[in-house]
Amino acid sequence: MNKSHNEHLENATETDDFGTNYSSGLNNSHQDSDINDLGIAEIVTALHDLRLTSLEHRKRRDRPPKLPSRKVLQTVVEGLGAALFPNRLGLPDIKESGIDYFVGHTLDVVLRELVSQVKLELKFVADVRNEAEQNKSKQSQSITLRTPTEIVREFAKQLPAIRQLLDSDIKAAYEGDPAARSVDEVLVCYPGVWAIIHYRIAHVLHGLGVPLVARMISEIAHSATGIDIHPGATIGDSFFIDHGTGVVIGETTIIGRHVRIYQAVTLGAKRFPTDEDGNLLKGHARHPIVEDNVVIYAGATVLGRITIGAGSSIGGNVWLTRSVPANSNITQAQTLASSLVAVSHIENSALPQTNSQVNKEVSQHH
């Protein structure tokens, strides 16, 4: 390796975004007489060229993207969880007299970190917005855009409301699962509750105009629990996800109050409309509406902008692409029968006409 590259390695940050320490290994390895046998110099050059090509393609050669940190956001969410539930998610030996101090100190630390992450997103968005869009909406942006501090301050004001919603979710899980022995067990053990904590936080941030930070927070929970809830989804209080692995809730889904769903349930889109140039249309309503007091059992797939009426029960492994009225009880056998009827109708309409049918049509034309 050349001298300048070695100097760069020596000055490199000790750890990467995932906390891995590379510097000691690099400093030792570049002194190893056999290191060239690994071909690292050529690999670094090839990666450098690919990186430049990617930046040039996006017209960002001199402005490489600086994105929010997943590691920092994970710390932020854990801190917010500790501040929301200090006795159960905070320090193990915290005393009652010190709880308020702990909550205040924790919020001070994590909200400052959140401001820095929001700032990175806003700068990134401003950098990628093209000049024409900036000029076109320059006046409105000066009115509507807020600073990172203002966004985080507004988010912080909603923390008590988030806590109230989470209390209702935890209670719903306790009341809906006969295996749950206490609400405390539900909070510290249930992956569905952990995913909902992330969702409730991310949803508020999404609504405040930082969708990238919000999505990253949701994906942290997705990686940890296997539950994928888009932060743009709207979910009412007393929401319970039991078991949870494989649950998918799309961006424009609307879920009412006291809804319970089980593992491997998908609330997704049926199709993806495109514009005249073939580009996907983004942001339009394409996911289900689930009204109050609905239960959706394991493996059910509900697709499209359909409505599941209040009080309905959707059975396991059901494939549903049509709206159902309130208090419906939909089973796999029913949906299979409906599909067979539809297929039979199509097949019958495609059968060759009989002689009597042909003669009847001929007589009608004479």
Foldseek 3Di string as FASTA:
>chain_A
DDPVVLVCLCPDDQADLVRDGDSVVVNVLVPDPCNVVVVVVVVVVVVVVVVCVVCVVLVQNVPPADAARLSLLVVLLLLLVCLLPVPQSNDVPDDPVCNVVSNVVSCVVSLVSQLVNLQSQVVRVVVSDDPVVCVVCVVVCVVPDDHSNVLSVVLVVCSVVLSVQLVLQLVLQCVVDPVDPDSSCSCPPFLQSVLVSLLSSLLSSVVSPRQVSSQSSNVVSCVVQLAHARSQEAEEGREYEHSHHQEHHDNDEYYEYNEYEYYNEYFEFPDFDDDPVRHTDPDDRGTDYEYAQEYEYAQEYEYTHEYEAHCEYHDHNADHDHHDYHNHYHYNVVNVVVVVVVVVVVVVVPDDDDPVVVVVVVVVVD
